[in-house]
N, C-alpha and C. Protein backbone atom coordinates (compact mmCIF):
# COMPACT_ATOMS: atom_id res chain seq x y z
N MET A 1 -1.15 23.94 8.04
CA MET A 1 -0.81 23.91 6.63
C MET A 1 0.70 23.79 6.44
N LYS A 2 1.47 24.51 7.28
CA LYS A 2 2.92 24.44 7.17
C LYS A 2 3.42 23.03 7.46
N LYS A 3 2.79 22.35 8.42
CA LYS A 3 3.20 20.98 8.74
C LYS A 3 2.96 20.04 7.57
N ILE A 4 1.84 20.21 6.89
CA ILE A 4 1.53 19.36 5.74
C ILE A 4 2.55 19.58 4.63
N LEU A 5 2.89 20.82 4.37
CA LEU A 5 3.90 21.12 3.34
C LEU A 5 5.26 20.55 3.72
N LEU A 6 5.61 20.66 4.98
CA LEU A 6 6.89 20.13 5.45
C LEU A 6 6.94 18.61 5.30
N ILE A 7 5.89 17.95 5.73
CA ILE A 7 5.85 16.49 5.63
C ILE A 7 5.88 16.04 4.17
N THR A 8 5.13 16.71 3.32
CA THR A 8 5.13 16.39 1.90
C THR A 8 6.52 16.57 1.30
N SER A 9 7.19 17.63 1.66
CA SER A 9 8.55 17.88 1.16
C SER A 9 9.52 16.81 1.62
N ILE A 10 9.41 16.41 2.86
CA ILE A 10 10.30 15.38 3.40
C ILE A 10 10.07 14.06 2.68
N LEU A 11 8.81 13.68 2.49
CA LEU A 11 8.50 12.43 1.81
C LEU A 11 8.97 12.46 0.36
N ALA A 12 8.82 13.58 -0.30
CA ALA A 12 9.28 13.71 -1.68
C ALA A 12 10.79 13.55 -1.76
N CYS A 13 11.51 14.15 -0.85
CA CYS A 13 12.98 14.02 -0.83
C CYS A 13 13.39 12.58 -0.56
N ALA A 14 12.69 11.92 0.34
CA ALA A 14 13.00 10.52 0.65
C ALA A 14 12.77 9.65 -0.57
N ALA A 15 11.72 9.91 -1.32
CA ALA A 15 11.42 9.12 -2.52
C ALA A 15 12.50 9.31 -3.57
N PHE A 16 13.00 10.54 -3.73
CA PHE A 16 14.06 10.77 -4.71
C PHE A 16 15.39 10.22 -4.24
N ALA A 17 15.61 10.16 -2.94
CA ALA A 17 16.86 9.64 -2.40
C ALA A 17 16.92 8.12 -2.54
N ASN A 18 15.77 7.47 -2.53
CA ASN A 18 15.70 6.03 -2.62
C ASN A 18 14.92 5.65 -3.87
N PRO A 19 15.60 5.24 -4.93
CA PRO A 19 14.87 4.95 -6.16
C PRO A 19 13.88 3.79 -6.02
N TYR A 20 14.04 2.93 -5.02
CA TYR A 20 13.11 1.82 -4.83
C TYR A 20 11.77 2.28 -4.26
N ALA A 21 11.72 3.47 -3.71
CA ALA A 21 10.50 3.95 -3.05
C ALA A 21 9.30 3.89 -3.99
N LYS A 22 9.47 4.20 -5.27
CA LYS A 22 8.32 4.16 -6.17
C LYS A 22 7.94 2.73 -6.54
N CYS A 23 8.81 1.77 -6.32
CA CYS A 23 8.51 0.37 -6.59
C CYS A 23 7.72 -0.26 -5.44
N ALA A 24 8.00 0.21 -4.23
CA ALA A 24 7.45 -0.40 -3.03
C ALA A 24 5.93 -0.36 -2.97
N GLY A 25 5.31 0.61 -3.60
CA GLY A 25 3.86 0.70 -3.59
C GLY A 25 3.19 -0.55 -4.13
N CYS A 26 3.75 -1.13 -5.17
CA CYS A 26 3.18 -2.34 -5.77
C CYS A 26 3.90 -3.61 -5.34
N HIS A 27 5.22 -3.54 -5.19
CA HIS A 27 6.03 -4.73 -4.90
C HIS A 27 6.29 -4.95 -3.42
N GLY A 28 5.89 -4.02 -2.57
CA GLY A 28 6.10 -4.16 -1.14
C GLY A 28 7.46 -3.64 -0.71
N ALA A 29 7.58 -3.33 0.56
CA ALA A 29 8.81 -2.75 1.09
C ALA A 29 10.02 -3.67 0.90
N ASP A 30 9.78 -4.98 0.90
CA ASP A 30 10.89 -5.92 0.75
C ASP A 30 10.92 -6.58 -0.62
N GLY A 31 10.06 -6.13 -1.54
CA GLY A 31 10.02 -6.72 -2.88
C GLY A 31 9.36 -8.08 -2.92
N GLY A 32 8.62 -8.43 -1.87
CA GLY A 32 8.04 -9.77 -1.77
C GLY A 32 6.62 -9.91 -2.26
N LYS A 33 6.02 -8.84 -2.77
CA LYS A 33 4.63 -8.92 -3.24
C LYS A 33 4.56 -9.21 -4.73
N VAL A 34 3.52 -9.93 -5.13
CA VAL A 34 3.19 -10.10 -6.54
C VAL A 34 2.39 -8.86 -6.91
N ALA A 35 3.02 -7.93 -7.58
CA ALA A 35 2.39 -6.64 -7.88
C ALA A 35 1.14 -6.82 -8.73
N LEU A 36 0.03 -6.26 -8.25
CA LEU A 36 -1.25 -6.31 -8.93
C LEU A 36 -1.66 -7.72 -9.33
N GLY A 37 -1.14 -8.71 -8.60
CA GLY A 37 -1.48 -10.10 -8.84
C GLY A 37 -0.92 -10.69 -10.12
N LYS A 38 0.04 -9.99 -10.76
CA LYS A 38 0.52 -10.43 -12.07
C LYS A 38 2.03 -10.52 -12.21
N SER A 39 2.79 -9.90 -11.33
CA SER A 39 4.24 -9.80 -11.54
C SER A 39 4.99 -10.94 -10.86
N LYS A 40 6.27 -10.97 -11.15
CA LYS A 40 7.18 -11.85 -10.42
C LYS A 40 7.47 -11.20 -9.07
N VAL A 41 7.91 -12.01 -8.11
CA VAL A 41 8.37 -11.49 -6.83
C VAL A 41 9.81 -11.06 -7.05
N ILE A 42 10.06 -9.75 -6.98
CA ILE A 42 11.39 -9.27 -7.38
C ILE A 42 12.49 -9.61 -6.39
N LYS A 43 12.14 -9.84 -5.13
CA LYS A 43 13.20 -10.20 -4.17
C LYS A 43 13.75 -11.59 -4.46
N ASP A 44 13.01 -12.40 -5.23
CA ASP A 44 13.48 -13.73 -5.60
C ASP A 44 14.32 -13.73 -6.87
N MET A 45 14.39 -12.60 -7.56
CA MET A 45 15.16 -12.50 -8.80
C MET A 45 16.64 -12.29 -8.47
N SER A 46 17.51 -12.78 -9.35
CA SER A 46 18.93 -12.47 -9.19
C SER A 46 19.13 -11.01 -9.59
N LYS A 47 20.24 -10.43 -9.16
CA LYS A 47 20.53 -9.05 -9.55
C LYS A 47 20.62 -8.92 -11.06
N ALA A 48 21.29 -9.89 -11.69
CA ALA A 48 21.45 -9.84 -13.15
C ALA A 48 20.09 -9.92 -13.85
N ASP A 49 19.20 -10.80 -13.38
CA ASP A 49 17.88 -10.92 -13.99
C ASP A 49 17.06 -9.65 -13.77
N PHE A 50 17.15 -9.07 -12.58
CA PHE A 50 16.42 -7.84 -12.29
C PHE A 50 16.89 -6.70 -13.20
N ILE A 51 18.20 -6.55 -13.31
CA ILE A 51 18.76 -5.49 -14.15
C ILE A 51 18.35 -5.70 -15.61
N ALA A 52 18.43 -6.93 -16.09
CA ALA A 52 18.03 -7.22 -17.47
C ALA A 52 16.54 -6.91 -17.68
N ALA A 53 15.72 -7.26 -16.70
CA ALA A 53 14.28 -6.99 -16.82
C ALA A 53 14.02 -5.50 -16.86
N MET A 54 14.64 -4.74 -15.98
CA MET A 54 14.40 -3.30 -15.95
C MET A 54 14.88 -2.62 -17.22
N LYS A 55 16.02 -3.01 -17.71
CA LYS A 55 16.52 -2.44 -18.97
C LYS A 55 15.61 -2.85 -20.13
N GLY A 56 15.08 -4.07 -20.07
CA GLY A 56 14.14 -4.53 -21.09
C GLY A 56 12.83 -3.76 -21.04
N TYR A 57 12.35 -3.46 -19.82
CA TYR A 57 11.16 -2.62 -19.71
C TYR A 57 11.40 -1.25 -20.34
N LYS A 58 12.59 -0.69 -20.07
CA LYS A 58 12.91 0.63 -20.61
C LYS A 58 12.90 0.65 -22.14
N ASP A 59 13.48 -0.38 -22.74
CA ASP A 59 13.58 -0.37 -24.21
C ASP A 59 12.44 -1.13 -24.90
N GLY A 60 11.52 -1.69 -24.10
CA GLY A 60 10.34 -2.35 -24.66
C GLY A 60 10.54 -3.80 -25.07
N SER A 61 11.71 -4.37 -24.76
CA SER A 61 12.00 -5.74 -25.18
C SER A 61 11.63 -6.79 -24.14
N TYR A 62 11.09 -6.40 -23.00
CA TYR A 62 10.80 -7.34 -21.91
C TYR A 62 9.42 -7.04 -21.35
N GLY A 63 8.77 -8.08 -20.87
CA GLY A 63 7.54 -7.87 -20.12
C GLY A 63 6.38 -8.70 -20.57
N GLY A 64 5.51 -8.92 -19.63
CA GLY A 64 4.29 -9.66 -19.89
C GLY A 64 3.11 -8.72 -19.75
N PRO A 65 2.14 -9.12 -18.91
CA PRO A 65 0.91 -8.33 -18.80
C PRO A 65 1.12 -6.92 -18.23
N MET A 66 2.21 -6.69 -17.55
CA MET A 66 2.46 -5.39 -16.94
C MET A 66 3.46 -4.55 -17.74
N LYS A 67 3.76 -4.97 -18.96
CA LYS A 67 4.79 -4.31 -19.78
C LYS A 67 4.52 -2.82 -19.96
N GLY A 68 3.31 -2.45 -20.28
CA GLY A 68 2.99 -1.03 -20.51
C GLY A 68 3.18 -0.20 -19.26
N LEU A 69 2.70 -0.70 -18.14
CA LEU A 69 2.84 0.02 -16.87
C LEU A 69 4.31 0.13 -16.47
N MET A 70 5.03 -0.96 -16.58
CA MET A 70 6.43 -0.96 -16.14
C MET A 70 7.33 -0.15 -17.06
N LYS A 71 7.01 -0.07 -18.33
CA LYS A 71 7.82 0.77 -19.23
C LYS A 71 7.81 2.21 -18.73
N GLY A 72 6.65 2.68 -18.31
CA GLY A 72 6.54 4.03 -17.77
C GLY A 72 7.29 4.20 -16.47
N GLN A 73 7.26 3.19 -15.62
CA GLN A 73 7.97 3.26 -14.35
C GLN A 73 9.48 3.22 -14.54
N ALA A 74 9.94 2.39 -15.44
CA ALA A 74 11.38 2.22 -15.66
C ALA A 74 11.99 3.36 -16.47
N ALA A 75 11.18 4.04 -17.25
CA ALA A 75 11.71 5.07 -18.17
C ALA A 75 12.51 6.15 -17.46
N SER A 76 12.13 6.49 -16.25
CA SER A 76 12.81 7.58 -15.55
C SER A 76 14.02 7.11 -14.74
N LEU A 77 14.26 5.81 -14.70
CA LEU A 77 15.38 5.29 -13.92
C LEU A 77 16.66 5.28 -14.73
N SER A 78 17.72 5.75 -14.12
CA SER A 78 19.03 5.69 -14.76
C SER A 78 19.61 4.29 -14.53
N ASP A 79 20.69 3.98 -15.22
CA ASP A 79 21.36 2.70 -14.99
C ASP A 79 21.84 2.61 -13.55
N ALA A 80 22.28 3.73 -12.99
CA ALA A 80 22.72 3.75 -11.59
C ALA A 80 21.55 3.47 -10.64
N ASP A 81 20.37 4.03 -10.96
CA ASP A 81 19.18 3.76 -10.15
C ASP A 81 18.83 2.28 -10.19
N ILE A 82 18.86 1.70 -11.38
CA ILE A 82 18.53 0.28 -11.53
C ILE A 82 19.51 -0.57 -10.74
N GLU A 83 20.76 -0.23 -10.82
CA GLU A 83 21.80 -0.96 -10.07
C GLU A 83 21.56 -0.83 -8.56
N ALA A 84 21.23 0.37 -8.10
CA ALA A 84 20.97 0.60 -6.67
C ALA A 84 19.76 -0.21 -6.19
N ILE A 85 18.71 -0.24 -7.00
CA ILE A 85 17.53 -1.03 -6.63
C ILE A 85 17.90 -2.51 -6.59
N ALA A 86 18.64 -2.98 -7.58
CA ALA A 86 19.06 -4.38 -7.61
C ALA A 86 19.87 -4.74 -6.37
N ASN A 87 20.78 -3.84 -5.98
CA ASN A 87 21.58 -4.09 -4.79
C ASN A 87 20.75 -4.11 -3.52
N GLN A 88 19.68 -3.32 -3.51
CA GLN A 88 18.83 -3.23 -2.32
C GLN A 88 17.89 -4.40 -2.19
N ILE A 89 17.35 -4.90 -3.29
CA ILE A 89 16.21 -5.79 -3.19
C ILE A 89 16.44 -7.19 -3.77
N ALA A 90 17.21 -7.31 -4.85
CA ALA A 90 17.38 -8.61 -5.51
C ALA A 90 18.44 -9.44 -4.80
N LYS A 91 18.49 -10.73 -5.16
CA LYS A 91 19.47 -11.65 -4.55
C LYS A 91 20.86 -11.41 -5.10
């Protein structure tokens, strides 16, 4: 039981240390997946386009079929988090 708690704690810390970790589940570790068969491939987006999209998801001004889902995902990201993700994954 202690091992499970330790592993869970480590994974939780890693997820908070890397804001992209919550994106990787749908978009893939390298941002190359079409999330749920509907999204753009984010690794192909420019940093400026990615940042604009994420800010648009946050304020509700951007998005297609995944707008509702992504608004919830983007809501907790700070501008610094969005910038860090853009630097990690976008062109």
